[in-house]
Amino acid sequence: MENQYFVHLFSDHINTAYLVNFRLLEMQERVVDSPWIAQKLGMAKYINQPISFCMVWQSLV
């Protein structure tokens, strides 16, 4: 089975939420940093690269 990767740009999330009457309340992002690399040495090649995000939404209806 071939690995499939999907890239969803932040604008995809924002624009879709707007269409269904959601408002972004909060957003947090993380990048690969020293503490991350200390736990997973193989991630060193990704230093300062975005790795995760979390968004909190509120329905407007």
PDB file of N, CA and C in Angstrom:
ATOM      1  N   MET A   1       0.837  -1.181   0.000  1.00  0.00           N
ATOM      2  CA  MET A   1       0.000   0.000   0.000  1.00  0.00           C
ATOM      3  C   MET A   1       0.881   1.242   0.000  1.00  0.00           C
ATOM      4  N   GLU A   2       0.591   2.138  -0.866  1.00  0.00           N
ATOM      5  CA  GLU A   2       1.353   3.382  -0.975  1.00  0.00           C
ATOM      6  C   GLU A   2       0.879   4.384   0.074  1.00  0.00           C
ATOM      7  N   ASN A   3       1.845   5.069   0.708  1.00  0.00           N
ATOM      8  CA  ASN A   3       1.491   6.122   1.667  1.00  0.00           C
ATOM      9  C   ASN A   3       0.898   7.304   0.926  1.00  0.00           C
ATOM     10  N   GLN A   4      -0.160   7.840   1.474  1.00  0.00           N
ATOM     11  CA  GLN A   4      -0.775   9.020   0.895  1.00  0.00           C
ATOM     12  C   GLN A   4      -0.730  10.137   1.923  1.00  0.00           C
ATOM     13  N   TYR A   5      -0.334  11.301   1.471  1.00  0.00           N
ATOM     14  CA  TYR A   5      -0.252  12.457   2.352  1.00  0.00           C
ATOM     15  C   TYR A   5      -1.174  13.544   1.814  1.00  0.00           C
ATOM     16  N   PHE A   6      -1.840  14.212   2.720  1.00  0.00           N
ATOM     17  CA  PHE A   6      -2.734  15.297   2.342  1.00  0.00           C
ATOM     18  C   PHE A   6      -2.281  16.563   3.051  1.00  0.00           C
ATOM     19  N   VAL A   7      -2.092  17.594   2.288  1.00  0.00           N
ATOM     20  CA  VAL A   7      -1.708  18.881   2.854  1.00  0.00           C
ATOM     21  C   VAL A   7      -2.937  19.777   2.839  1.00  0.00           C
ATOM     22  N   HIS A   8      -3.333  20.219   4.027  1.00  0.00           N
ATOM     23  CA  HIS A   8      -4.453  21.145   4.157  1.00  0.00           C
ATOM     24  C   HIS A   8      -3.877  22.474   4.632  1.00  0.00           C
ATOM     25  N   LEU A   9      -3.923  23.457   3.794  1.00  0.00           N
ATOM     26  CA  LEU A   9      -3.413  24.774   4.158  1.00  0.00           C
ATOM     27  C   LEU A   9      -4.320  25.403   5.204  1.00  0.00           C
ATOM     28  N   PHE A  10      -3.755  26.290   6.017  1.00  0.00           N
ATOM     29  CA  PHE A  10      -4.569  26.968   7.019  1.00  0.00           C
ATOM     30  C   PHE A  10      -5.749  27.674   6.367  1.00  0.00           C
ATOM     31  N   SER A  11      -5.524  28.242   5.207  1.00  0.00           N
ATOM     32  CA  SER A  11      -6.616  28.939   4.523  1.00  0.00           C
ATOM     33  C   SER A  11      -7.757  27.987   4.174  1.00  0.00           C
ATOM     34  N   ASP A  12      -7.476  26.706   3.905  1.00  0.00           N
ATOM     35  CA  ASP A  12      -8.530  25.725   3.661  1.00  0.00           C
ATOM     36  C   ASP A  12      -9.435  25.602   4.885  1.00  0.00           C
ATOM     37  N   HIS A  13      -8.830  25.524   6.054  1.00  0.00           N
ATOM     38  CA  HIS A  13      -9.596  25.408   7.296  1.00  0.00           C
ATOM     39  C   HIS A  13     -10.428  26.673   7.540  1.00  0.00           C
ATOM     40  N   ILE A  14      -9.790  27.812   7.398  1.00  0.00           N
ATOM     41  CA  ILE A  14     -10.459  29.089   7.670  1.00  0.00           C
ATOM     42  C   ILE A  14     -11.609  29.318   6.699  1.00  0.00           C
ATOM     43  N   ASN A  15     -11.360  29.130   5.419  1.00  0.00           N
ATOM     44  CA  ASN A  15     -12.388  29.381   4.411  1.00  0.00           C
ATOM     45  C   ASN A  15     -13.571  28.428   4.541  1.00  0.00           C
ATOM     46  N   THR A  16     -13.303  27.168   4.822  1.00  0.00           N
ATOM     47  CA  THR A  16     -14.386  26.203   4.987  1.00  0.00           C
ATOM     48  C   THR A  16     -15.210  26.520   6.234  1.00  0.00           C
ATOM     49  N   ALA A  17     -14.542  26.874   7.314  1.00  0.00           N
ATOM     50  CA  ALA A  17     -15.259  27.237   8.544  1.00  0.00           C
ATOM     51  C   ALA A  17     -16.150  28.450   8.299  1.00  0.00           C
ATOM     52  N   TYR A  18     -15.650  29.412   7.587  1.00  0.00           N
ATOM     53  CA  TYR A  18     -16.442  30.604   7.264  1.00  0.00           C
ATOM     54  C   TYR A  18     -17.728  30.223   6.519  1.00  0.00           C
ATOM     55  N   LEU A  19     -17.598  29.298   5.571  1.00  0.00           N
ATOM     56  CA  LEU A  19     -18.750  28.877   4.767  1.00  0.00           C
ATOM     57  C   LEU A  19     -19.844  28.212   5.597  1.00  0.00           C
ATOM     58  N   VAL A  20     -19.465  27.593   6.717  1.00  0.00           N
ATOM     59  CA  VAL A  20     -20.451  26.892   7.553  1.00  0.00           C
ATOM     60  C   VAL A  20     -20.705  27.630   8.868  1.00  0.00           C
ATOM     61  N   ASN A  21     -20.402  28.927   8.871  1.00  0.00           N
ATOM     62  CA  ASN A  21     -20.706  29.807  10.007  1.00  0.00           C
ATOM     63  C   ASN A  21     -19.974  29.450  11.303  1.00  0.00           C
ATOM     64  N   PHE A  22     -18.697  29.197  11.184  1.00  0.00           N
ATOM     65  CA  PHE A  22     -17.861  29.005  12.358  1.00  0.00           C
ATOM     66  C   PHE A  22     -16.881  30.165  12.468  1.00  0.00           C
ATOM     67  N   ARG A  23     -16.520  30.493  13.698  1.00  0.00           N
ATOM     68  CA  ARG A  23     -15.564  31.570  13.960  1.00  0.00           C
ATOM     69  C   ARG A  23     -14.375  30.987  14.711  1.00  0.00           C
ATOM     70  N   LEU A  24     -13.184  31.374  14.292  1.00  0.00           N
ATOM     71  CA  LEU A  24     -11.959  30.925  14.951  1.00  0.00           C
ATOM     72  C   LEU A  24     -11.772  31.702  16.249  1.00  0.00           C
ATOM     73  N   LEU A  25     -11.709  30.981  17.372  1.00  0.00           N
ATOM     74  CA  LEU A  25     -11.520  31.615  18.675  1.00  0.00           C
ATOM     75  C   LEU A  25     -10.063  31.613  19.113  1.00  0.00           C
ATOM     76  N   GLU A  26      -9.370  30.548  18.791  1.00  0.00           N
ATOM     77  CA  GLU A  26      -7.981  30.411  19.258  1.00  0.00           C
ATOM     78  C   GLU A  26      -7.236  29.477  18.319  1.00  0.00           C
ATOM     79  N   MET A  27      -5.927  29.724  18.193  1.00  0.00           N
ATOM     80  CA  MET A  27      -5.081  28.864  17.364  1.00  0.00           C
ATOM     81  C   MET A  27      -3.704  28.775  17.990  1.00  0.00           C
ATOM     82  N   GLN A  28      -3.194  27.567  18.109  1.00  0.00           N
ATOM     83  CA  GLN A  28      -1.848  27.321  18.628  1.00  0.00           C
ATOM     84  C   GLN A  28      -1.074  26.515  17.595  1.00  0.00           C
ATOM     85  N   GLU A  29       0.213  26.832  17.447  1.00  0.00           N
ATOM     86  CA  GLU A  29       1.071  26.096  16.518  1.00  0.00           C
ATOM     87  C   GLU A  29       2.348  25.679  17.233  1.00  0.00           C
ATOM     88  N   ARG A  30       2.962  24.601  16.762  1.00  0.00           N
ATOM     89  CA  ARG A  30       4.255  24.175  17.283  1.00  0.00           C
ATOM     90  C   ARG A  30       5.197  23.908  16.130  1.00  0.00           C
ATOM     91  N   VAL A  31       6.453  24.152  16.386  1.00  0.00           N
ATOM     92  CA  VAL A  31       7.505  23.798  15.442  1.00  0.00           C
ATOM     93  C   VAL A  31       8.423  22.790  16.117  1.00  0.00           C
ATOM     94  N   VAL A  32       9.193  22.087  15.328  1.00  0.00           N
ATOM     95  CA  VAL A  32      10.176  21.162  15.889  1.00  0.00           C
ATOM     96  C   VAL A  32      11.251  22.008  16.563  1.00  0.00           C
ATOM     97  N   ASP A  33      11.421  21.808  17.871  1.00  0.00           N
ATOM     98  CA  ASP A  33      12.394  22.593  18.636  1.00  0.00           C
ATOM     99  C   ASP A  33      13.299  21.655  19.440  1.00  0.00           C
ATOM    100  N   SER A  34      14.191  22.224  20.226  1.00  0.00           N
ATOM    101  CA  SER A  34      15.170  21.432  20.982  1.00  0.00           C
ATOM    102  C   SER A  34      14.529  20.403  21.909  1.00  0.00           C
ATOM    103  N   PRO A  35      13.504  20.767  22.708  1.00  0.00           N
ATOM    104  CA  PRO A  35      12.882  19.742  23.551  1.00  0.00           C
ATOM    105  C   PRO A  35      12.283  18.587  22.742  1.00  0.00           C
ATOM    106  N   TRP A  36      11.716  18.900  21.600  1.00  0.00           N
ATOM    107  CA  TRP A  36      11.146  17.853  20.749  1.00  0.00           C
ATOM    108  C   TRP A  36      12.259  16.917  20.276  1.00  0.00           C
ATOM    109  N   ILE A  37      13.352  17.514  19.807  1.00  0.00           N
ATOM    110  CA  ILE A  37      14.474  16.727  19.297  1.00  0.00           C
ATOM    111  C   ILE A  37      15.114  15.894  20.405  1.00  0.00           C
ATOM    112  N   ALA A  38      15.133  16.417  21.634  1.00  0.00           N
ATOM    113  CA  ALA A  38      15.693  15.659  22.760  1.00  0.00           C
ATOM    114  C   ALA A  38      14.943  14.345  22.956  1.00  0.00           C
ATOM    115  N   GLN A  39      13.663  14.317  22.624  1.00  0.00           N
ATOM    116  CA  GLN A  39      12.868  13.098  22.778  1.00  0.00           C
ATOM    117  C   GLN A  39      12.858  12.236  21.523  1.00  0.00           C
ATOM    118  N   LYS A  40      13.055  12.870  20.371  1.00  0.00           N
ATOM    119  CA  LYS A  40      13.035  12.143  19.098  1.00  0.00           C
ATOM    120  C   LYS A  40      14.181  12.651  18.227  1.00  0.00           C
ATOM    121  N   LEU A  41      15.348  12.048  18.381  1.00  0.00           N
ATOM    122  CA  LEU A  41      16.558  12.531  17.708  1.00  0.00           C
ATOM    123  C   LEU A  41      16.417  12.579  16.190  1.00  0.00           C
ATOM    124  N   GLY A  42      15.632  11.692  15.625  1.00  0.00           N
ATOM    125  CA  GLY A  42      15.462  11.656  14.179  1.00  0.00           C
ATOM    126  C   GLY A  42      14.785  12.903  13.613  1.00  0.00           C
ATOM    127  N   MET A  43      14.189  13.706  14.484  1.00  0.00           N
ATOM    128  CA  MET A  43      13.494  14.914  14.033  1.00  0.00           C
ATOM    129  C   MET A  43      14.436  16.109  13.857  1.00  0.00           C
ATOM    130  N   ALA A  44      15.700  15.936  14.183  1.00  0.00           N
ATOM    131  CA  ALA A  44      16.662  17.049  14.119  1.00  0.00           C
ATOM    132  C   ALA A  44      16.712  17.687  12.734  1.00  0.00           C
ATOM    133  N   LYS A  45      16.512  16.898  11.700  1.00  0.00           N
ATOM    134  CA  LYS A  45      16.566  17.455  10.340  1.00  0.00           C
ATOM    135  C   LYS A  45      15.393  18.389  10.052  1.00  0.00           C
ATOM    136  N   TYR A  46      14.388  18.376  10.936  1.00  0.00           N
ATOM    137  CA  TYR A  46      13.212  19.226  10.760  1.00  0.00           C
ATOM    138  C   TYR A  46      13.175  20.421  11.713  1.00  0.00           C
ATOM    139  N   ILE A  47      14.313  20.756  12.307  1.00  0.00           N
ATOM    140  CA  ILE A  47      14.367  21.857  13.271  1.00  0.00           C
ATOM    141  C   ILE A  47      13.708  23.115  12.706  1.00  0.00           C
ATOM    142  N   ASN A  48      12.879  23.750  13.518  1.00  0.00           N
ATOM    143  CA  ASN A  48      12.149  24.977  13.188  1.00  0.00           C
ATOM    144  C   ASN A  48      11.065  24.814  12.123  1.00  0.00           C
ATOM    145  N   GLN A  49      10.726  23.584  11.758  1.00  0.00           N
ATOM    146  CA  GLN A  49       9.658  23.345  10.796  1.00  0.00           C
ATOM    147  C   GLN A  49       8.334  23.174  11.541  1.00  0.00           C
ATOM    148  N   PRO A  50       7.238  23.649  10.983  1.00  0.00           N
ATOM    149  CA  PRO A  50       5.934  23.445  11.618  1.00  0.00           C
ATOM    150  C   PRO A  50       5.634  21.954  11.735  1.00  0.00           C
ATOM    151  N   ILE A  51       5.062  21.556  12.870  1.00  0.00           N
ATOM    152  CA  ILE A  51       4.770  20.139  13.081  1.00  0.00           C
ATOM    153  C   ILE A  51       3.314  19.885  13.451  1.00  0.00           C
ATOM    154  N   SER A  52       2.683  20.825  14.139  1.00  0.00           N
ATOM    155  CA  SER A  52       1.297  20.598  14.543  1.00  0.00           C
ATOM    156  C   SER A  52       0.590  21.921  14.798  1.00  0.00           C
ATOM    157  N   PHE A  53      -0.728  21.839  14.816  1.00  0.00           N
ATOM    158  CA  PHE A  53      -1.517  23.013  15.150  1.00  0.00           C
ATOM    159  C   PHE A  53      -2.843  22.561  15.745  1.00  0.00           C
ATOM    160  N   CYS A  54      -3.463  23.461  16.444  1.00  0.00           N
ATOM    161  CA  CYS A  54      -4.765  23.208  17.046  1.00  0.00           C
ATOM    162  C   CYS A  54      -5.607  24.462  16.883  1.00  0.00           C
ATOM    163  N   MET A  55      -6.848  24.279  16.484  1.00  0.00           N
ATOM    164  CA  MET A  55      -7.759  25.407  16.336  1.00  0.00           C
ATOM    165  C   MET A  55      -9.004  25.173  17.176  1.00  0.00           C
ATOM    166  N   VAL A  56      -9.505  26.234  17.797  1.00  0.00           N
ATOM    167  CA  VAL A  56     -10.749  26.179  18.556  1.00  0.00           C
ATOM    168  C   VAL A  56     -11.774  27.039  17.819  1.00  0.00           C
ATOM    169  N   TRP A  57     -12.900  26.411  17.519  1.00  0.00           N
ATOM    170  CA  TRP A  57     -13.940  27.071  16.723  1.00  0.00           C
ATOM    171  C   TRP A  57     -15.213  27.253  17.527  1.00  0.00           C
ATOM    172  N   GLN A  58     -15.999  28.244  17.131  1.00  0.00           N
ATOM    173  CA  GLN A  58     -17.307  28.467  17.720  1.00  0.00           C
ATOM    174  C   GLN A  58     -18.332  28.572  16.591  1.00  0.00           C
ATOM    175  N   SER A  59     -19.411  27.838  16.751  1.00  0.00           N
ATOM    176  CA  SER A  59     -20.496  27.929  15.784  1.00  0.00           C
ATOM    177  C   SER A  59     -21.257  29.242  15.999  1.00  0.00           C
ATOM    178  N   LEU A  60     -21.580  29.920  14.920  1.00  0.00           N
ATOM    179  CA  LEU A  60     -22.308  31.186  15.007  1.00  0.00           C
ATOM    180  C   LEU A  60     -23.809  30.993  14.832  1.00  0.00           C
ATOM    181  N   VAL A  61     -24.234  29.760  14.677  1.00  0.00           N
ATOM    182  CA  VAL A  61     -25.683  29.503  14.536  1.00  0.00           C
ATOM    183  C   VAL A  61     -26.191  28.694  15.707  1.00  0.00           C
TER     184      VAL A  61
END
